[in-house]
């Protein structure tokens, strides 16, 4: 993606949650110049990340929201 000029930029981390050997990071930024939410789940073993899953979703303009909570609610 980077070779094609597509950038993924994290601009704000809303919350980091950890339990056992799992860590969830809830962030926002841009992907391909579009406002985006990032949910990254990591599994840690012996102090190192051994697995990673993620979900990215474009954040629609506020006038298209279906509620007043926004993408991140009351984080």
PDB file of N, CA and C in Angstrom:
ATOM      1  N   UNK A   1       0.828  -1.185   0.000  1.00  0.00           N
ATOM      2  CA  UNK A   1       0.000   0.000   0.000  1.00  0.00           C
ATOM      3  C   UNK A   1       0.878   1.256   0.000  1.00  0.00           C
ATOM      4  N   UNK A   2       1.894   1.261   0.845  1.00  0.00           N
ATOM      5  CA  UNK A   2       2.756   2.443   0.938  1.00  0.00           C
ATOM      6  C   UNK A   2       3.434   2.719  -0.398  1.00  0.00           C
ATOM      7  N   UNK A   3       3.819   1.677  -1.119  1.00  0.00           N
ATOM      8  CA  UNK A   3       4.447   1.864  -2.424  1.00  0.00           C
ATOM      9  C   UNK A   3       3.501   2.518  -3.421  1.00  0.00           C
ATOM     10  N   UNK A   4       2.181   2.385  -3.183  1.00  0.00           N
ATOM     11  CA  UNK A   4       1.175   2.987  -4.061  1.00  0.00           C
ATOM     12  C   UNK A   4       0.661   4.314  -3.517  1.00  0.00           C
ATOM     13  N   UNK A   5       1.304   4.842  -2.464  1.00  0.00           N
ATOM     14  CA  UNK A   5       0.916   6.134  -1.912  1.00  0.00           C
ATOM     15  C   UNK A   5      -0.269   6.104  -0.967  1.00  0.00           C
ATOM     16  N   UNK A   6      -0.702   4.915  -0.555  1.00  0.00           N
ATOM     17  CA  UNK A   6      -1.819   4.800   0.383  1.00  0.00           C
ATOM     18  C   UNK A   6      -1.248   4.818   1.793  1.00  0.00           C
ATOM     19  N   UNK A   7      -1.668   5.813   2.589  1.00  0.00           N
ATOM     20  CA  UNK A   7      -1.128   5.981   3.937  1.00  0.00           C
ATOM     21  C   UNK A   7      -2.157   5.615   4.998  1.00  0.00           C
ATOM     22  N   UNK A   8      -1.660   5.010   6.072  1.00  0.00           N
ATOM     23  CA  UNK A   8      -2.453   4.713   7.261  1.00  0.00           C
ATOM     24  C   UNK A   8      -1.827   5.537   8.381  1.00  0.00           C
ATOM     25  N   UNK A   9      -2.584   6.502   8.907  1.00  0.00           N
ATOM     26  CA  UNK A   9      -2.048   7.407   9.915  1.00  0.00           C
ATOM     27  C   UNK A   9      -2.926   7.368  11.157  1.00  0.00           C
ATOM     28  N   UNK A  10      -2.325   7.050  12.285  1.00  0.00           N
ATOM     29  CA  UNK A  10      -3.011   7.081  13.581  1.00  0.00           C
ATOM     30  C   UNK A  10      -2.808   8.477  14.171  1.00  0.00           C
ATOM     31  N   UNK A  11      -3.909   9.157  14.545  1.00  0.00           N
ATOM     32  CA  UNK A  11      -3.788  10.505  15.094  1.00  0.00           C
ATOM     33  C   UNK A  11      -4.212  10.611  16.549  1.00  0.00           C
ATOM     34  N   UNK A  12      -5.052   9.678  17.029  1.00  0.00           N
ATOM     35  CA  UNK A  12      -5.507   9.739  18.407  1.00  0.00           C
ATOM     36  C   UNK A  12      -5.794   8.335  18.914  1.00  0.00           C
ATOM     37  N   UNK A  13      -5.275   8.036  20.111  1.00  0.00           N
ATOM     38  CA  UNK A  13      -5.584   6.769  20.747  1.00  0.00           C
ATOM     39  C   UNK A  13      -6.614   7.048  21.823  1.00  0.00           C
ATOM     40  N   UNK A  14      -7.798   6.451  21.710  1.00  0.00           N
ATOM     41  CA  UNK A  14      -8.883   6.696  22.649  1.00  0.00           C
ATOM     42  C   UNK A  14      -8.778   5.832  23.897  1.00  0.00           C
ATOM     43  N   UNK A  15      -8.351   4.586  23.727  1.00  0.00           N
ATOM     44  CA  UNK A  15      -8.326   3.693  24.874  1.00  0.00           C
ATOM     45  C   UNK A  15      -7.439   2.496  24.569  1.00  0.00           C
ATOM     46  N   UNK A  16      -6.761   2.022  25.618  1.00  0.00           N
ATOM     47  CA  UNK A  16      -6.005   0.774  25.556  1.00  0.00           C
ATOM     48  C   UNK A  16      -6.495  -0.074  26.712  1.00  0.00           C
ATOM     49  N   UNK A  17      -6.948  -1.272  26.397  1.00  0.00           N
ATOM     50  CA  UNK A  17      -7.469  -2.201  27.407  1.00  0.00           C
ATOM     51  C   UNK A  17      -6.637  -3.477  27.374  1.00  0.00           C
ATOM     52  N   UNK A  18      -6.332  -4.006  28.544  1.00  0.00           N
ATOM     53  CA  UNK A  18      -5.577  -5.247  28.597  1.00  0.00           C
ATOM     54  C   UNK A  18      -6.188  -6.209  29.589  1.00  0.00           C
ATOM     55  N   UNK A  19      -6.178  -7.475  29.240  1.00  0.00           N
ATOM     56  CA  UNK A  19      -6.614  -8.526  30.151  1.00  0.00           C
ATOM     57  C   UNK A  19      -5.865  -9.790  29.781  1.00  0.00           C
ATOM     58  N   UNK A  20      -5.214 -10.385  30.781  1.00  0.00           N
ATOM     59  CA  UNK A  20      -4.426 -11.584  30.499  1.00  0.00           C
ATOM     60  C   UNK A  20      -3.347 -11.247  29.490  1.00  0.00           C
ATOM     61  N   UNK A  21      -3.295 -12.013  28.419  1.00  0.00           N
ATOM     62  CA  UNK A  21      -2.277 -11.752  27.401  1.00  0.00           C
ATOM     63  C   UNK A  21      -2.859 -11.076  26.147  1.00  0.00           C
ATOM     64  N   UNK A  22      -3.999 -10.383  26.314  1.00  0.00           N
ATOM     65  CA  UNK A  22      -4.615  -9.660  25.203  1.00  0.00           C
ATOM     66  C   UNK A  22      -4.637  -8.160  25.479  1.00  0.00           C
ATOM     67  N   UNK A  23      -4.403  -7.372  24.450  1.00  0.00           N
ATOM     68  CA  UNK A  23      -4.446  -5.912  24.540  1.00  0.00           C
ATOM     69  C   UNK A  23      -5.269  -5.393  23.361  1.00  0.00           C
ATOM     70  N   UNK A  24      -6.230  -4.509  23.655  1.00  0.00           N
ATOM     71  CA  UNK A  24      -7.052  -3.880  22.620  1.00  0.00           C
ATOM     72  C   UNK A  24      -6.734  -2.393  22.588  1.00  0.00           C
ATOM     73  N   UNK A  25      -6.446  -1.876  21.409  1.00  0.00           N
ATOM     74  CA  UNK A  25      -6.208  -0.459  21.208  1.00  0.00           C
ATOM     75  C   UNK A  25      -7.324   0.096  20.324  1.00  0.00           C
ATOM     76  N   UNK A  26      -7.979   1.166  20.800  1.00  0.00           N
ATOM     77  CA  UNK A  26      -9.067   1.809  20.056  1.00  0.00           C
ATOM     78  C   UNK A  26      -8.570   3.195  19.648  1.00  0.00           C
ATOM     79  N   UNK A  27      -8.432   3.409  18.346  1.00  0.00           N
ATOM     80  CA  UNK A  27      -7.795   4.622  17.840  1.00  0.00           C
ATOM     81  C   UNK A  27      -8.548   5.193  16.648  1.00  0.00           C
ATOM     82  N   UNK A  28      -8.128   6.394  16.266  1.00  0.00           N
ATOM     83  CA  UNK A  28      -8.652   6.975  15.023  1.00  0.00           C
ATOM     84  C   UNK A  28      -7.526   7.648  14.266  1.00  0.00           C
ATOM     85  N   UNK A  29      -7.797   7.883  13.007  1.00  0.00           N
ATOM     86  CA  UNK A  29      -6.828   8.523  12.134  1.00  0.00           C
ATOM     87  C   UNK A  29      -7.374   8.562  10.727  1.00  0.00           C
ATOM     88  N   UNK A  30      -6.494   8.312   9.773  1.00  0.00           N
ATOM     89  CA  UNK A  30      -6.929   8.288   8.372  1.00  0.00           C
ATOM     90  C   UNK A  30      -6.348   7.066   7.671  1.00  0.00           C
ATOM     91  N   UNK A  31      -7.092   6.583   6.713  1.00  0.00           N
ATOM     92  CA  UNK A  31      -6.626   5.533   5.819  1.00  0.00           C
ATOM     93  C   UNK A  31      -7.002   5.966   4.424  1.00  0.00           C
ATOM     94  N   UNK A  32      -6.019   6.069   3.553  1.00  0.00           N
ATOM     95  CA  UNK A  32      -6.236   6.563   2.186  1.00  0.00           C
ATOM     96  C   UNK A  32      -6.944   7.926   2.220  1.00  0.00           C
ATOM     97  N   UNK A  33      -6.514   8.781   3.162  1.00  0.00           N
ATOM     98  CA  UNK A  33      -7.038  10.149   3.322  1.00  0.00           C
ATOM     99  C   UNK A  33      -8.497  10.212   3.757  1.00  0.00           C
ATOM    100  N   UNK A  34      -9.052   9.119   4.300  1.00  0.00           N
ATOM    101  CA  UNK A  34     -10.428   9.120   4.798  1.00  0.00           C
ATOM    102  C   UNK A  34     -10.404   8.934   6.311  1.00  0.00           C
ATOM    103  N   UNK A  35     -11.244   9.682   7.061  1.00  0.00           N
ATOM    104  CA  UNK A  35     -11.299   9.491   8.516  1.00  0.00           C
ATOM    105  C   UNK A  35     -11.655   8.032   8.825  1.00  0.00           C
ATOM    106  N   UNK A  36     -10.893   7.418   9.731  1.00  0.00           N
ATOM    107  CA  UNK A  36     -11.024   5.979   9.962  1.00  0.00           C
ATOM    108  C   UNK A  36     -10.891   5.650  11.441  1.00  0.00           C
ATOM    109  N   UNK A  37     -11.667   4.657  11.885  1.00  0.00           N
ATOM    110  CA  UNK A  37     -11.499   4.101  13.230  1.00  0.00           C
ATOM    111  C   UNK A  37     -10.682   2.818  13.106  1.00  0.00           C
ATOM    112  N   UNK A  38      -9.809   2.614  14.096  1.00  0.00           N
ATOM    113  CA  UNK A  38      -8.945   1.434  14.121  1.00  0.00           C
ATOM    114  C   UNK A  38      -9.157   0.698  15.442  1.00  0.00           C
ATOM    115  N   UNK A  39      -9.472  -0.564  15.370  1.00  0.00           N
ATOM    116  CA  UNK A  39      -9.547  -1.429  16.546  1.00  0.00           C
ATOM    117  C   UNK A  39      -8.499  -2.529  16.337  1.00  0.00           C
ATOM    118  N   UNK A  40      -7.449  -2.515  17.153  1.00  0.00           N
ATOM    119  CA  UNK A  40      -6.357  -3.477  17.027  1.00  0.00           C
ATOM    120  C   UNK A  40      -6.313  -4.360  18.271  1.00  0.00           C
ATOM    121  N   UNK A  41      -6.363  -5.664  18.075  1.00  0.00           N
ATOM    122  CA  UNK A  41      -6.286  -6.623  19.164  1.00  0.00           C
ATOM    123  C   UNK A  41      -4.977  -7.394  19.017  1.00  0.00           C
ATOM    124  N   UNK A  42      -4.206  -7.420  20.104  1.00  0.00           N
ATOM    125  CA  UNK A  42      -2.908  -8.089  20.107  1.00  0.00           C
ATOM    126  C   UNK A  42      -2.911  -9.204  21.148  1.00  0.00           C
ATOM    127  N   UNK A  43      -2.247 -10.303  20.820  1.00  0.00           N
ATOM    128  CA  UNK A  43      -1.964 -11.340  21.809  1.00  0.00           C
ATOM    129  C   UNK A  43      -0.472 -11.294  22.072  1.00  0.00           C
ATOM    130  N   UNK A  44      -0.122 -11.186  23.348  1.00  0.00           N
ATOM    131  CA  UNK A  44       1.271 -11.043  23.760  1.00  0.00           C
ATOM    132  C   UNK A  44       1.731 -12.320  24.442  1.00  0.00           C
ATOM    133  N   UNK A  45       2.945 -12.724  24.121  1.00  0.00           N
ATOM    134  CA  UNK A  45       3.537 -13.915  24.742  1.00  0.00           C
ATOM    135  C   UNK A  45       5.016 -13.629  24.977  1.00  0.00           C
ATOM    136  N   UNK A  46       5.465 -13.832  26.196  1.00  0.00           N
ATOM    137  CA  UNK A  46       6.868 -13.578  26.554  1.00  0.00           C
ATOM    138  C   UNK A  46       7.301 -12.156  26.190  1.00  0.00           C
ATOM    139  N   UNK A  47       6.394 -11.194  26.401  1.00  0.00           N
ATOM    140  CA  UNK A  47       6.714  -9.787  26.165  1.00  0.00           C
ATOM    141  C   UNK A  47       6.732  -9.362  24.709  1.00  0.00           C
ATOM    142  N   UNK A  48       6.277 -10.219  23.816  1.00  0.00           N
ATOM    143  CA  UNK A  48       6.268  -9.891  22.391  1.00  0.00           C
ATOM    144  C   UNK A  48       4.885 -10.126  21.796  1.00  0.00           C
ATOM    145  N   UNK A  49       4.548  -9.335  20.789  1.00  0.00           N
ATOM    146  CA  UNK A  49       3.287  -9.536  20.061  1.00  0.00           C
ATOM    147  C   UNK A  49       3.444 -10.778  19.188  1.00  0.00           C
ATOM    148  N   UNK A  50       2.553 -11.741  19.383  1.00  0.00           N
ATOM    149  CA  UNK A  50       2.628 -12.970  18.588  1.00  0.00           C
ATOM    150  C   UNK A  50       1.449 -13.118  17.627  1.00  0.00           C
ATOM    151  N   UNK A  51       0.372 -12.372  17.883  1.00  0.00           N
ATOM    152  CA  UNK A  51      -0.770 -12.365  16.962  1.00  0.00           C
ATOM    153  C   UNK A  51      -1.397 -10.983  16.967  1.00  0.00           C
ATOM    154  N   UNK A  52      -2.023 -10.631  15.846  1.00  0.00           N
ATOM    155  CA  UNK A  52      -2.672  -9.324  15.711  1.00  0.00           C
ATOM    156  C   UNK A  52      -3.895  -9.464  14.816  1.00  0.00           C
ATOM    157  N   UNK A  53      -4.986  -8.869  15.267  1.00  0.00           N
ATOM    158  CA  UNK A  53      -6.212  -8.785  14.468  1.00  0.00           C
ATOM    159  C   UNK A  53      -6.627  -7.329  14.455  1.00  0.00           C
ATOM    160  N   UNK A  54      -7.285  -6.906  13.401  1.00  0.00           N
ATOM    161  CA  UNK A  54      -7.736  -5.516  13.379  1.00  0.00           C
ATOM    162  C   UNK A  54      -9.015  -5.353  12.581  1.00  0.00           C
ATOM    163  N   UNK A  55      -9.702  -4.270  12.903  1.00  0.00           N
ATOM    164  CA  UNK A  55     -10.889  -3.841  12.158  1.00  0.00           C
ATOM    165  C   UNK A  55     -10.713  -2.359  11.910  1.00  0.00           C
ATOM    166  N   UNK A  56     -10.933  -1.951  10.669  1.00  0.00           N
ATOM    167  CA  UNK A  56     -10.885  -0.544  10.292  1.00  0.00           C
ATOM    168  C   UNK A  56     -12.231  -0.197   9.669  1.00  0.00           C
ATOM    169  N   UNK A  57     -12.727   0.996   9.983  1.00  0.00           N
ATOM    170  CA  UNK A  57     -13.989   1.421   9.387  1.00  0.00           C
ATOM    171  C   UNK A  57     -13.941   2.920   9.138  1.00  0.00           C
ATOM    172  N   UNK A  58     -14.378   3.328   7.966  1.00  0.00           N
ATOM    173  CA  UNK A  58     -14.444   4.747   7.646  1.00  0.00           C
ATOM    174  C   UNK A  58     -15.451   5.429   8.561  1.00  0.00           C
ATOM    175  N   UNK A  59     -15.074   6.596   9.063  1.00  0.00           N
ATOM    176  CA  UNK A  59     -15.974   7.392   9.906  1.00  0.00           C
ATOM    177  C   UNK A  59     -16.749   8.325   8.977  1.00  0.00           C
ATOM    178  N   UNK A  60     -18.047   8.123   8.925  1.00  0.00           N
ATOM    179  CA  UNK A  60     -18.876   8.932   8.024  1.00  0.00           C
ATOM    180  C   UNK A  60     -19.035  10.341   8.591  1.00  0.00           C
ATOM    181  N   UNK A  61     -19.371  11.324   7.745  1.00  0.00           N
ATOM    182  CA  UNK A  61     -19.600  12.688   8.233  1.00  0.00           C
ATOM    183  C   UNK A  61     -20.697  12.717   9.301  1.00  0.00           C
ATOM    184  N   UNK A  62     -20.581  13.648  10.245  1.00  0.00           N
ATOM    185  CA  UNK A  62     -21.489  13.721  11.383  1.00  0.00           C
ATOM    186  C   UNK A  62     -22.959  13.779  10.963  1.00  0.00           C
ATOM    187  N   UNK A  63     -23.259  14.425   9.867  1.00  0.00           N
ATOM    188  CA  UNK A  63     -24.658  14.519   9.426  1.00  0.00           C
ATOM    189  C   UNK A  63     -25.234  13.179   8.975  1.00  0.00           C
ATOM    190  N   UNK A  64     -24.394  12.174   8.805  1.00  0.00           N
ATOM    191  CA  UNK A  64     -24.855  10.835   8.435  1.00  0.00           C
ATOM    192  C   UNK A  64     -24.925   9.880   9.628  1.00  0.00           C
ATOM    193  N   UNK A  65     -24.524  10.321  10.818  1.00  0.00           N
ATOM    194  CA  UNK A  65     -24.569   9.461  11.997  1.00  0.00           C
ATOM    195  C   UNK A  65     -25.997   9.064  12.311  1.00  0.00           C
ATOM    196  N   UNK A  66     -26.175   7.852  12.801  1.00  0.00           N
ATOM    197  CA  UNK A  66     -27.489   7.335  13.183  1.00  0.00           C
ATOM    198  C   UNK A  66     -27.792   7.580  14.658  1.00  0.00           C
ATOM    199  N   UNK A  67     -26.796   8.094  15.416  1.00  0.00           N
ATOM    200  CA  UNK A  67     -26.980   8.431  16.825  1.00  0.00           C
ATOM    201  C   UNK A  67     -26.043   9.588  17.162  1.00  0.00           C
ATOM    202  N   UNK A  68     -26.074  10.043  18.387  1.00  0.00           N
ATOM    203  CA  UNK A  68     -25.224  11.179  18.785  1.00  0.00           C
ATOM    204  C   UNK A  68     -23.948  10.719  19.492  1.00  0.00           C
ATOM    205  N   UNK A  69     -23.708   9.427  19.583  1.00  0.00           N
ATOM    206  CA  UNK A  69     -22.542   8.901  20.277  1.00  0.00           C
ATOM    207  C   UNK A  69     -21.253   9.011  19.464  1.00  0.00           C
ATOM    208  N   UNK A  70     -21.368   9.029  18.168  1.00  0.00           N
ATOM    209  CA  UNK A  70     -20.171   8.993  17.333  1.00  0.00           C
ATOM    210  C   UNK A  70     -19.565   7.610  17.310  1.00  0.00           C
ATOM    211  N   UNK A  71     -18.461   7.464  16.658  1.00  0.00           N
ATOM    212  CA  UNK A  71     -17.810   6.171  16.502  1.00  0.00           C
ATOM    213  C   UNK A  71     -17.255   5.637  17.817  1.00  0.00           C
ATOM    214  N   UNK A  72     -16.865   6.529  18.734  1.00  0.00           N
ATOM    215  CA  UNK A  72     -16.172   6.096  19.938  1.00  0.00           C
ATOM    216  C   UNK A  72     -17.010   6.232  21.197  1.00  0.00           C
ATOM    217  N   UNK A  73     -18.260   6.619  21.072  1.00  0.00           N
ATOM    218  CA  UNK A  73     -19.164   6.689  22.227  1.00  0.00           C
ATOM    219  C   UNK A  73     -18.610   7.563  23.331  1.00  0.00           C
ATOM    220  N   UNK A  74     -18.687   7.081  24.534  1.00  0.00           N
ATOM    221  CA  UNK A  74     -18.243   7.843  25.690  1.00  0.00           C
ATOM    222  C   UNK A  74     -16.879   7.397  26.192  1.00  0.00           C
ATOM    223  N   UNK A  75     -15.978   7.079  25.303  1.00  0.00           N
ATOM    224  CA  UNK A  75     -14.646   6.612  25.727  1.00  0.00           C
ATOM    225  C   UNK A  75     -13.890   7.712  26.420  1.00  0.00           C
TER     226      UNK A  75
END
